[in-house]
C-alpha atoms as a PDB file:
ATOM      1  CA  MET A   1      -8.181  18.795  -1.965  1.00  0.00           C
ATOM      2  CA  THR A   2      -8.164  15.432  -1.501  1.00  0.00           C
ATOM      3  CA  LYS A   3      -8.184  12.427  -3.561  1.00  0.00           C
ATOM      4  CA  THR A   4      -9.559   8.965  -1.922  1.00  0.00           C
ATOM      5  CA  VAL A   5      -8.658   5.649  -3.444  1.00  0.00           C
ATOM      6  CA  LEU A   6     -10.222   2.565  -1.465  1.00  0.00           C
ATOM      7  CA  ALA A   7      -7.595  -0.722  -2.609  1.00  0.00           C
ATOM      8  CA  ALA A   8      -8.154  -3.884  -0.851  1.00  0.00           C
ATOM      9  CA  ILE A   9      -6.113  -7.116  -1.623  1.00  0.00           C
ATOM     10  CA  ALA A  10      -8.425 -10.061  -2.459  1.00  0.00           C
ATOM     11  CA  VAL A  11      -8.099 -13.124  -0.393  1.00  0.00           C
ATOM     12  CA  ALA A  12      -8.082 -16.192  -2.546  1.00  0.00           C
ATOM     13  CA  ALA A  13      -8.501 -19.052   0.201  1.00  0.00           C
ATOM     14  CA  LEU A  14      -8.891 -18.920   3.746  1.00  0.00           C
ATOM     15  CA  THR A  15      -6.920 -18.653   6.822  1.00  0.00           C
ATOM     16  CA  PRO A  16      -7.318 -20.854   9.132  1.00  0.00           C
ATOM     17  CA  LEU A  17      -8.576 -19.172  13.451  1.00  0.00           C
ATOM     18  CA  SER A  18      -6.057 -18.184  15.347  1.00  0.00           C
ATOM     19  CA  ALA A  19      -5.071 -16.141  18.597  1.00  0.00           C
ATOM     20  CA  ALA A  20      -4.638 -13.302  16.355  1.00  0.00           C
ATOM     21  CA  TYR A  21      -7.756 -12.041  14.866  1.00  0.00           C
ATOM     22  CA  ALA A  22      -6.411 -10.369  11.309  1.00  0.00           C
ATOM     23  CA  GLU A  23      -7.803  -6.822  10.579  1.00  0.00           C
ATOM     24  CA  ASP A  24      -7.673  -4.085   7.752  1.00  0.00           C
ATOM     25  CA  LEU A  25      -4.658  -2.199   7.806  1.00  0.00           C
ATOM     26  CA  ASN A  26      -5.820   1.316   7.051  1.00  0.00           C
ATOM     27  CA  PHE A  27      -3.160   4.418   6.377  1.00  0.00           C
ATOM     28  CA  ARG A  28      -3.041   7.773   4.074  1.00  0.00           C
ATOM     29  CA  LEU A  29      -0.451   7.482   0.878  1.00  0.00           C
ATOM     30  CA  VAL A  30       0.890  10.569   0.267  1.00  0.00           C
ATOM     31  CA  ASN A  31       2.356  11.920  -3.245  1.00  0.00           C
ATOM     32  CA  ASP A  32       5.091  15.055  -2.049  1.00  0.00           C
ATOM     33  CA  SER A  33       7.125  13.883  -5.154  1.00  0.00           C
ATOM     34  CA  SER A  34       7.024  15.851  -8.773  1.00  0.00           C
ATOM     35  CA  SER A  35       5.410  13.242 -10.502  1.00  0.00           C
ATOM     36  CA  ALA A  36       2.071  10.744 -10.549  1.00  0.00           C
ATOM     37  CA  LEU A  37       2.220   7.642  -8.346  1.00  0.00           C
ATOM     38  CA  VAL A  38       0.257   5.350 -11.085  1.00  0.00           C
ATOM     39  CA  GLY A  39       1.988   2.144  -9.322  1.00  0.00           C
ATOM     40  CA  PHE A  40       1.591   1.483  -5.563  1.00  0.00           C
ATOM     41  CA  ASN A  41       1.908  -2.436  -4.409  1.00  0.00           C
ATOM     42  CA  VAL A  42       1.841  -3.713  -0.883  1.00  0.00           C
ATOM     43  CA  SER A  43       3.179  -7.565  -0.257  1.00  0.00           C
ATOM     44  CA  PRO A  44       4.117  -8.773   3.642  1.00  0.00           C
ATOM     45  CA  THR A  45       7.633  -8.827   3.930  1.00  0.00           C
ATOM     46  CA  SER A  46       7.746 -12.746   3.881  1.00  0.00           C
ATOM     47  CA  ALA A  47       6.112 -12.549  -0.050  1.00  0.00           C
ATOM     48  CA  GLN A  48       8.904 -13.169  -2.909  1.00  0.00           C
ATOM     49  CA  PHE A  49       7.119 -11.325  -5.152  1.00  0.00           C
ATOM     50  CA  TRP A  50       5.280  -7.791  -5.317  1.00  0.00           C
ATOM     51  CA  GLU A  51       1.560  -8.080  -4.921  1.00  0.00           C
ATOM     52  CA  GLU A  52      -1.070  -6.299  -7.579  1.00  0.00           C
ATOM     53  CA  ASN A  53      -0.905  -2.332  -8.225  1.00  0.00           C
ATOM     54  CA  LEU A  54      -3.273  -1.361  -5.624  1.00  0.00           C
ATOM     55  CA  LEU A  55      -4.003   2.041  -7.662  1.00  0.00           C
ATOM     56  CA  ALA A  56      -5.392  -0.177 -10.208  1.00  0.00           C
ATOM     57  CA  GLY A  57      -5.438   2.318 -13.588  1.00  0.00           C
ATOM     58  CA  ASP A  58      -5.529   5.115 -11.289  1.00  0.00           C
ATOM     59  CA  ARG A  59      -2.951   7.326 -10.199  1.00  0.00           C
ATOM     60  CA  ILE A  60      -1.785  10.122  -7.357  1.00  0.00           C
ATOM     61  CA  ALA A  61      -1.183  13.505  -8.462  1.00  0.00           C
ATOM     62  CA  PRO A  62       1.758  15.533  -7.200  1.00  0.00           C
ATOM     63  CA  GLY A  63       0.097  16.989  -4.017  1.00  0.00           C
ATOM     64  CA  TYR A  64      -2.409  14.767  -3.501  1.00  0.00           C
ATOM     65  CA  GLU A  65      -3.418  11.772  -0.791  1.00  0.00           C
ATOM     66  CA  ALA A  66      -5.638   8.628  -0.977  1.00  0.00           C
ATOM     67  CA  ASP A  67      -6.724   6.529   2.034  1.00  0.00           C
ATOM     68  CA  ILE A  68      -5.495   2.820   2.126  1.00  0.00           C
ATOM     69  CA  THR A  69      -7.080   0.049   2.959  1.00  0.00           C
ATOM     70  CA  ILE A  70      -5.168  -3.432   2.926  1.00  0.00           C
ATOM     71  CA  ALA A  71      -7.462  -6.302   3.549  1.00  0.00           C
ATOM     72  CA  ASP A  72      -5.622  -9.413   3.058  1.00  0.00           C
ATOM     73  CA  GLY A  73      -6.374 -11.368   5.503  1.00  0.00           C
ATOM     74  CA  LEU A  74      -3.119 -11.364   7.232  1.00  0.00           C
ATOM     75  CA  THR A  75      -1.967 -11.239  11.229  1.00  0.00           C
ATOM     76  CA  THR A  76       1.182  -9.580  10.117  1.00  0.00           C
ATOM     77  CA  CYS A  77       1.910  -6.249  10.223  1.00  0.00           C
ATOM     78  CA  THR A  78       5.389  -5.906   8.543  1.00  0.00           C
ATOM     79  CA  TYR A  79       4.954  -5.043   4.931  1.00  0.00           C
ATOM     80  CA  ASP A  80       7.124  -3.641   1.554  1.00  0.00           C
ATOM     81  CA  ILE A  81       6.057  -1.389  -0.639  1.00  0.00           C
ATOM     82  CA  ARG A  82       6.752  -0.121  -3.753  1.00  0.00           C
ATOM     83  CA  GLY A  83       5.856   3.150  -5.695  1.00  0.00           C
ATOM     84  CA  THR A  84       5.598   3.506  -9.499  1.00  0.00           C
ATOM     85  CA  PHE A  85       5.912   6.933 -11.057  1.00  0.00           C
ATOM     86  CA  ALA A  86       4.949   8.143 -14.527  1.00  0.00           C
ATOM     87  CA  ASP A  87       8.467   9.435 -15.365  1.00  0.00           C
ATOM     88  CA  GLU A  88       9.101   5.875 -14.806  1.00  0.00           C
ATOM     89  CA  ALA A  89      10.744   6.149 -11.509  1.00  0.00           C
ATOM     90  CA  GLU A  90      10.748   3.560  -8.504  1.00  0.00           C
ATOM     91  CA  ALA A  91      10.930   3.746  -5.132  1.00  0.00           C
ATOM     92  CA  GLU A  92      10.548   0.746  -2.600  1.00  0.00           C
ATOM     93  CA  ASP A  93      10.574   0.562   1.764  1.00  0.00           C
ATOM     94  CA  PHE A  94      11.284  -2.547   3.644  1.00  0.00           C
ATOM     95  CA  GLY A  95       9.759  -3.494   6.581  1.00  0.00           C
ATOM     96  CA  LEU A  96       7.354  -1.465   7.333  1.00  0.00           C
ATOM     97  CA  ASN A  97       4.885  -1.852  10.294  1.00  0.00           C
ATOM     98  CA  LEU A  98       1.661  -0.795   8.795  1.00  0.00           C
ATOM     99  CA  CYS A  99       0.000  -1.248  12.350  1.00  0.00           C
ATOM    100  CA  GLU A 100       1.333   1.639  13.421  1.00  0.00           C
ATOM    101  CA  LEU A 101       2.062   4.027  10.654  1.00  0.00           C
ATOM    102  CA  GLY A 102      -0.547   6.331  10.029  1.00  0.00           C
ATOM    103  CA  GLU A 103       0.785   8.023   7.039  1.00  0.00           C
ATOM    104  CA  TYR A 104       3.457   7.124   4.233  1.00  0.00           C
ATOM    105  CA  VAL A 105       4.667   9.933   2.197  1.00  0.00           C
ATOM    106  CA  PHE A 106       6.646   9.596  -1.471  1.00  0.00           C
ATOM    107  CA  THR A 107       9.051  12.712  -1.804  1.00  0.00           C
ATOM    108  CA  ASP A 108      11.721  13.075  -4.517  1.00  0.00           C
END
């Protein structure tokens, strides 16, 4: 069974036009851990703080997956991610090229 969650990051201001146009980033998020994923944050590597929780009150149970869309209007491909689990564990990964990433898997 597949659980699909579509998440997007809202952009508060228009970004100036440039030679590189922003495109939505799409990838599959897989929870192969033993605990439900209750939080998922994605921030550009250049950001100092984590962006909002893309699961927004939802969860991804162990063995399930979700399709994630990041529509933040940025032209960057490099992001940091953080997963928060029901058992209060956290996992972070830094400097991921989400333009080339087709899937990200959380494991124990």
